C-alpha cells in the first residue's frame, strides 16, 4: 500500500484492468449488435415491422447467438459499477475470477429470455403483413409496459437486495440478474413491438435499466417511463399507423384494416 495516499497499488491496477475489460467486452458486443442490426434488420423484426420484405426465419442457434450478444451489449454496462464493489468481489485474491463469475451469472439470466423472444418472433410471422389490429396489439403491449412501472411487483424488485445470501460471485450475479429481470422484463417486451434490433430503443432501454439499477429510489424516472410508454400505447390504439413512427421504422406499404 502507498502510505502517502493510502491506496493499494495492486488493488488500483486490478480495478483499472477490470474497468478496461468490461468496457472492451461491452464495446465489442455493441459493435457486433450494430452489425447484426444492419444485416438482419428484415428478419429480426417486431410488430411495427411485420410488413418487412422478409419474415423472421433465423435458425434457433443463430438467433440465440445474436440475442446473447445483444444482452451483453445492453446489460453489461448496467452492472459495471457493481462488479467493482468489494462486496461483490467475494473471492479474496481472485478479483478477476469473481468479476467474470458475477458477469456470467447475470448475463445467463438475461440470455435465457431469448427462448421466449424466439417463440414470440416466430409466432409474429404468422400475422404478417401488418394490419391495424396487429398494430393495436402493439399499443396494448406498450400500455402494459407503462402500467407495470407503477405496480407493487416493480417496486418490490427495485428494493430487493442484489447480493444478500450470495455465497459466490456466480450466485450473486444470478441473483442480480433475477432482480433486474423481475423489474425489467416487461420493458424488454417493448422490443418485440418496435423491433428486436431497434438500436435507438435498445440504447434507450439500456439507459433506463442502468439508471434504475443504480438509482432504485428515483421515483421520477419510473413515473416518466410509465407515463411515456402508456401514452404512446394509447396513441397507437387511437391511430394504429403511428406505430411505425414510434418505432422509427420505415414502411414500404400501406397497412390494411
Protein backbone atom coordinates (compact mmCIF):
# COMPACT_ATOMS: atom_id res chain seq x y z
CA UNK A 1 0.00 0.00 0.00
CA UNK A 2 1.16 3.52 -0.75
CA UNK A 3 1.50 5.07 2.72
CA UNK A 4 1.26 8.61 1.35
CA UNK A 5 -2.01 8.07 -0.45
CA UNK A 6 -3.45 5.12 1.44
CA UNK A 7 -4.12 3.32 -1.88
CA UNK A 8 -3.04 -0.25 -2.58
CA UNK A 9 -1.29 -0.14 -6.00
CA UNK A 10 -2.25 -3.75 -6.70
CA UNK A 11 -5.92 -3.10 -5.98
CA UNK A 12 -5.83 0.02 -8.12
CA UNK A 13 -4.31 -1.87 -11.07
CA UNK A 14 -6.90 -4.63 -10.70
CA UNK A 15 -9.71 -2.06 -10.70
CA UNK A 16 -8.37 -0.33 -13.80
CA UNK A 17 -7.87 -3.65 -15.59
CA UNK A 18 -11.41 -4.73 -14.71
CA UNK A 19 -12.89 -1.47 -15.96
CA UNK A 20 -10.96 -1.64 -19.22
CA UNK A 21 -12.01 -5.27 -19.69
CA UNK A 22 -15.70 -4.51 -19.11
CA UNK A 23 -15.63 -1.55 -21.47
CA UNK A 24 -13.87 -3.64 -24.12
CA UNK A 25 -16.35 -6.53 -23.89
CA UNK A 26 -19.34 -4.17 -23.95
CA UNK A 27 -17.83 -2.29 -26.89
CA UNK A 28 -17.30 -5.45 -28.92
CA UNK A 29 -20.85 -6.59 -28.08
CA UNK A 30 -22.31 -3.26 -29.26
CA UNK A 31 -20.24 -3.39 -32.44
CA UNK A 32 -21.48 -6.92 -33.18
CA UNK A 33 -25.07 -5.92 -32.35
CA UNK A 34 -24.94 -2.93 -34.69
CA UNK A 35 -23.59 -5.22 -37.41
CA UNK A 36 -26.42 -7.70 -36.78
CA UNK A 37 -28.98 -4.89 -36.86
CA UNK A 38 -27.79 -3.89 -40.31
CA UNK A 39 -27.59 -7.37 -41.79
CA UNK A 40 -30.64 -8.92 -40.11
CA UNK A 41 -32.99 -5.95 -39.91
CA UNK A 42 -35.57 -7.58 -42.17
CA UNK A 43 -35.52 -10.88 -40.30
CA UNK A 44 -35.30 -9.83 -36.65
CA UNK A 45 -38.38 -7.72 -36.51
CA UNK A 46 -41.32 -6.77 -34.33
CA UNK A 47 -44.98 -5.86 -34.61
CA UNK A 48 -44.06 -2.46 -36.07
CA UNK A 49 -42.17 -4.08 -38.96
CA UNK A 50 -44.37 -7.03 -39.89
CA UNK A 51 -44.58 -5.80 -43.45
CA UNK A 52 -40.81 -6.03 -43.98
CA UNK A 53 -39.78 -7.80 -47.21
CA UNK A 54 -38.55 -10.91 -45.34
CA UNK A 55 -40.16 -12.74 -42.47
CA UNK A 56 -38.37 -13.87 -39.35
CA UNK A 57 -36.63 -17.10 -40.32
CA UNK A 58 -33.45 -17.27 -38.25
CA UNK A 59 -32.33 -20.68 -37.03
CA UNK A 60 -32.59 -21.06 -33.23
CA UNK A 61 -28.82 -21.19 -32.66
CA UNK A 62 -28.21 -18.17 -34.89
CA UNK A 63 -30.88 -16.21 -33.07
CA UNK A 64 -29.55 -17.19 -29.63
CA UNK A 65 -26.03 -16.12 -30.60
CA UNK A 66 -27.42 -12.76 -31.69
CA UNK A 67 -29.58 -12.47 -28.56
CA UNK A 68 -26.73 -13.25 -26.14
CA UNK A 69 -24.56 -10.65 -27.89
CA UNK A 70 -27.37 -8.10 -27.65
CA UNK A 71 -27.96 -8.83 -23.96
CA UNK A 72 -24.24 -8.43 -23.29
CA UNK A 73 -24.26 -5.06 -25.04
CA UNK A 74 -27.32 -3.81 -23.18
CA UNK A 75 -26.86 -5.31 -19.72
CA UNK A 76 -23.12 -5.37 -19.09
CA UNK A 77 -22.95 -1.57 -18.67
CA UNK A 78 -25.75 -1.91 -16.12
CA UNK A 79 -23.64 -3.98 -13.73
CA UNK A 80 -20.22 -2.45 -14.42
CA UNK A 81 -20.20 -0.26 -11.28
CA UNK A 82 -21.45 -3.13 -9.12
CA UNK A 83 -18.82 -5.69 -10.03
CA UNK A 84 -16.15 -3.29 -8.79
CA UNK A 85 -17.57 -3.22 -5.25
CA UNK A 86 -15.72 -5.21 -2.57
CA UNK A 87 -18.97 -6.95 -1.54
CA UNK A 88 -19.26 -8.50 -4.99
CA UNK A 89 -15.62 -9.45 -5.29
CA UNK A 90 -16.12 -12.14 -2.70
CA UNK A 91 -13.07 -14.26 -3.52
CA UNK A 92 -10.01 -12.56 -1.95
CA UNK A 93 -7.03 -12.53 -4.26
CA UNK A 94 -9.15 -13.66 -7.22
CA UNK A 95 -10.97 -10.49 -8.18
CA UNK A 96 -10.72 -11.23 -11.90
CA UNK A 97 -12.37 -14.62 -11.46
CA UNK A 98 -15.06 -13.06 -9.26
CA UNK A 99 -15.86 -10.40 -11.85
CA UNK A 100 -16.13 -12.99 -14.62
CA UNK A 101 -18.30 -15.21 -12.40
CA UNK A 102 -20.63 -12.37 -11.42
CA UNK A 103 -20.98 -11.15 -15.01
CA UNK A 104 -21.56 -14.67 -16.33
CA UNK A 105 -24.26 -15.37 -13.76
CA UNK A 106 -26.00 -12.08 -14.50
CA UNK A 107 -25.88 -12.45 -18.28
CA UNK A 108 -27.02 -16.10 -18.10
CA UNK A 109 -30.35 -14.96 -16.66
CA UNK A 110 -30.93 -12.47 -19.46
CA UNK A 111 -29.66 -14.87 -22.13
CA UNK A 112 -32.36 -17.35 -21.08
CA UNK A 113 -35.03 -14.82 -22.10
CA UNK A 114 -34.00 -15.40 -25.71
CA UNK A 115 -36.14 -18.54 -25.75
CA UNK A 116 -39.29 -16.51 -25.09
CA UNK A 117 -38.23 -13.90 -27.65
CA UNK A 118 -37.64 -16.57 -30.29
CA UNK A 119 -41.09 -18.08 -29.74
CA UNK A 120 -42.72 -14.63 -29.86
CA UNK A 121 -41.00 -13.61 -33.09
CA UNK A 122 -41.74 -16.95 -34.72
CA UNK A 123 -45.40 -16.52 -33.82
CA UNK A 124 -45.49 -12.99 -35.22
CA UNK A 125 -44.52 -14.36 -38.62
CA UNK A 126 -47.97 -15.90 -38.89
CA UNK A 127 -49.56 -12.43 -38.67
CA UNK A 128 -47.57 -10.78 -41.46
CA UNK A 129 -48.29 -8.46 -43.14
CA UNK A 130 -49.18 -5.90 -40.51
CA UNK A 131 -52.75 -4.70 -40.03
CA UNK A 132 -54.26 -2.04 -37.84
CA UNK A 133 -55.25 -4.77 -35.40
CA UNK A 134 -51.71 -6.10 -35.05
CA UNK A 135 -50.58 -2.53 -34.50
CA UNK A 136 -53.22 -2.08 -31.82
CA UNK A 137 -51.90 -5.23 -30.16
CA UNK A 138 -48.53 -3.47 -30.08
CA UNK A 139 -50.23 -0.49 -28.45
CA UNK A 140 -51.64 -2.76 -25.76
CA UNK A 141 -48.14 -4.08 -25.02
CA UNK A 142 -46.86 -0.51 -24.67
CA UNK A 143 -49.70 0.32 -22.26
CA UNK A 144 -48.99 -2.78 -20.17
CA UNK A 145 -45.27 -1.93 -20.08
CA UNK A 146 -46.10 1.56 -18.89
CA UNK A 147 -48.60 0.34 -16.28
CA UNK A 148 -46.02 -2.15 -14.97
CA UNK A 149 -43.89 0.78 -13.82
CA UNK A 150 -46.50 1.57 -11.14
CA UNK A 151 -47.08 -1.96 -9.82
CA UNK A 152 -46.15 -3.37 -6.42
CA UNK A 153 -44.22 -6.09 -8.26
CA UNK A 154 -41.93 -3.46 -9.81
CA UNK A 155 -41.45 -1.63 -6.50
CA UNK A 156 -40.62 -4.89 -4.72
CA UNK A 157 -37.91 -5.86 -7.17
CA UNK A 158 -36.46 -2.35 -7.14
CA UNK A 159 -36.00 -2.66 -3.37
CA UNK A 160 -34.63 -6.21 -3.44
CA UNK A 161 -31.09 -6.70 -2.18
CA UNK A 162 -28.98 -7.97 -5.04
CA UNK A 163 -26.33 -9.80 -3.03
CA UNK A 164 -27.94 -10.97 0.21
CA UNK A 165 -27.10 -14.61 0.94
CA UNK A 166 -24.78 -14.93 -2.07
CA UNK A 167 -22.06 -17.48 -1.30
CA UNK A 168 -20.14 -17.00 -4.55
CA UNK A 169 -19.77 -14.37 -7.23
CA UNK A 170 -21.77 -16.50 -9.68
CA UNK A 171 -24.63 -16.76 -7.18
CA UNK A 172 -24.50 -13.00 -6.64
CA UNK A 173 -24.62 -12.48 -10.40
CA UNK A 174 -27.57 -14.82 -10.81
CA UNK A 175 -29.49 -13.03 -8.06
CA UNK A 176 -28.70 -9.64 -9.57
CA UNK A 177 -29.90 -10.94 -12.93
CA UNK A 178 -33.13 -12.25 -11.44
CA UNK A 179 -33.70 -8.91 -9.72
CA UNK A 180 -33.22 -7.00 -12.97
CA UNK A 181 -35.36 -9.47 -14.88
CA UNK A 182 -38.12 -9.21 -12.29
CA UNK A 183 -38.37 -5.46 -12.66
CA UNK A 184 -37.41 -5.11 -16.32
CA UNK A 185 -38.80 -8.00 -18.34
CA UNK A 186 -41.91 -6.05 -19.36
CA UNK A 187 -39.75 -3.21 -20.66
CA UNK A 188 -37.76 -5.69 -22.72
CA UNK A 189 -41.05 -6.90 -24.22
CA UNK A 190 -41.26 -3.46 -25.84
CA UNK A 191 -38.57 -4.64 -28.27
CA UNK A 192 -40.99 -7.25 -29.62
CA UNK A 193 -43.22 -4.31 -30.57
CA UNK A 194 -40.69 -1.84 -32.01
CA UNK A 195 -38.23 -4.40 -33.37
CA UNK A 196 -35.72 -6.60 -31.57
CA UNK A 197 -32.76 -5.00 -33.34
CA UNK A 198 -34.07 -1.43 -33.00
CA UNK A 199 -30.86 0.32 -31.97
CA UNK A 200 -32.50 3.55 -30.81
CA UNK A 201 -34.88 1.72 -28.49
CA UNK A 202 -32.12 -0.63 -27.33
CA UNK A 203 -29.97 2.34 -26.30
CA UNK A 204 -32.93 3.97 -24.53
CA UNK A 205 -33.79 0.82 -22.58
CA UNK A 206 -30.12 0.36 -21.65
CA UNK A 207 -30.08 3.82 -20.07
CA UNK A 208 -33.36 3.13 -18.24
CA UNK A 209 -32.11 -0.20 -16.87
CA UNK A 210 -28.78 1.27 -15.77
CA UNK A 211 -30.43 4.24 -14.06
CA UNK A 212 -32.97 2.06 -12.26
CA UNK A 213 -30.21 -0.27 -11.12
CA UNK A 214 -28.07 2.40 -9.51
CA UNK A 215 -30.82 4.83 -8.51
CA UNK A 216 -33.62 2.43 -7.50
CA UNK A 217 -35.42 5.02 -5.35
CA UNK A 218 -35.60 7.65 -8.07
CA UNK A 219 -39.37 7.59 -8.47
CA UNK A 220 -39.37 10.34 -11.08
CA UNK A 221 -37.75 8.03 -13.66
CA UNK A 222 -40.29 5.27 -13.01
CA UNK A 223 -43.17 7.71 -13.42
CA UNK A 224 -41.71 9.29 -16.56
CA UNK A 225 -41.10 5.94 -18.27
CA UNK A 226 -44.50 4.62 -17.24
CA UNK A 227 -46.43 7.66 -18.43
CA UNK A 228 -44.47 7.84 -21.70
CA UNK A 229 -45.00 4.20 -22.63
CA UNK A 230 -48.67 4.22 -21.65
CA UNK A 231 -49.22 7.45 -23.59
CA UNK A 232 -47.57 6.01 -26.70
CA UNK A 233 -49.71 2.90 -26.36
CA UNK A 234 -52.92 4.91 -26.17
CA UNK A 235 -51.83 6.91 -29.21
CA UNK A 236 -51.32 3.69 -31.18
CA UNK A 237 -54.74 2.39 -30.16
CA UNK A 238 -56.32 5.58 -31.49
CA UNK A 239 -54.12 5.86 -34.59
CA UNK A 240 -52.51 2.46 -35.42
CA UNK A 241 -50.41 3.93 -38.23
CA UNK A 242 -48.39 5.82 -35.61
CA UNK A 243 -46.63 2.64 -34.50
CA UNK A 244 -44.14 2.78 -37.36
CA UNK A 245 -43.18 6.35 -36.41
CA UNK A 246 -42.85 5.43 -32.72
CA UNK A 247 -40.62 2.51 -33.68
CA UNK A 248 -38.65 4.71 -36.08
CA UNK A 249 -39.41 2.10 -38.73
CA UNK A 250 -39.82 2.62 -42.45
CA UNK A 251 -42.87 1.09 -44.09
CA UNK A 252 -42.95 0.39 -47.80
CA UNK A 253 -46.66 -0.46 -47.97
CA UNK A 254 -49.91 0.69 -46.50
CA UNK A 255 -51.48 -1.08 -43.54
CA UNK A 256 -54.78 -2.82 -44.27
CA UNK A 257 -57.67 -2.57 -41.85
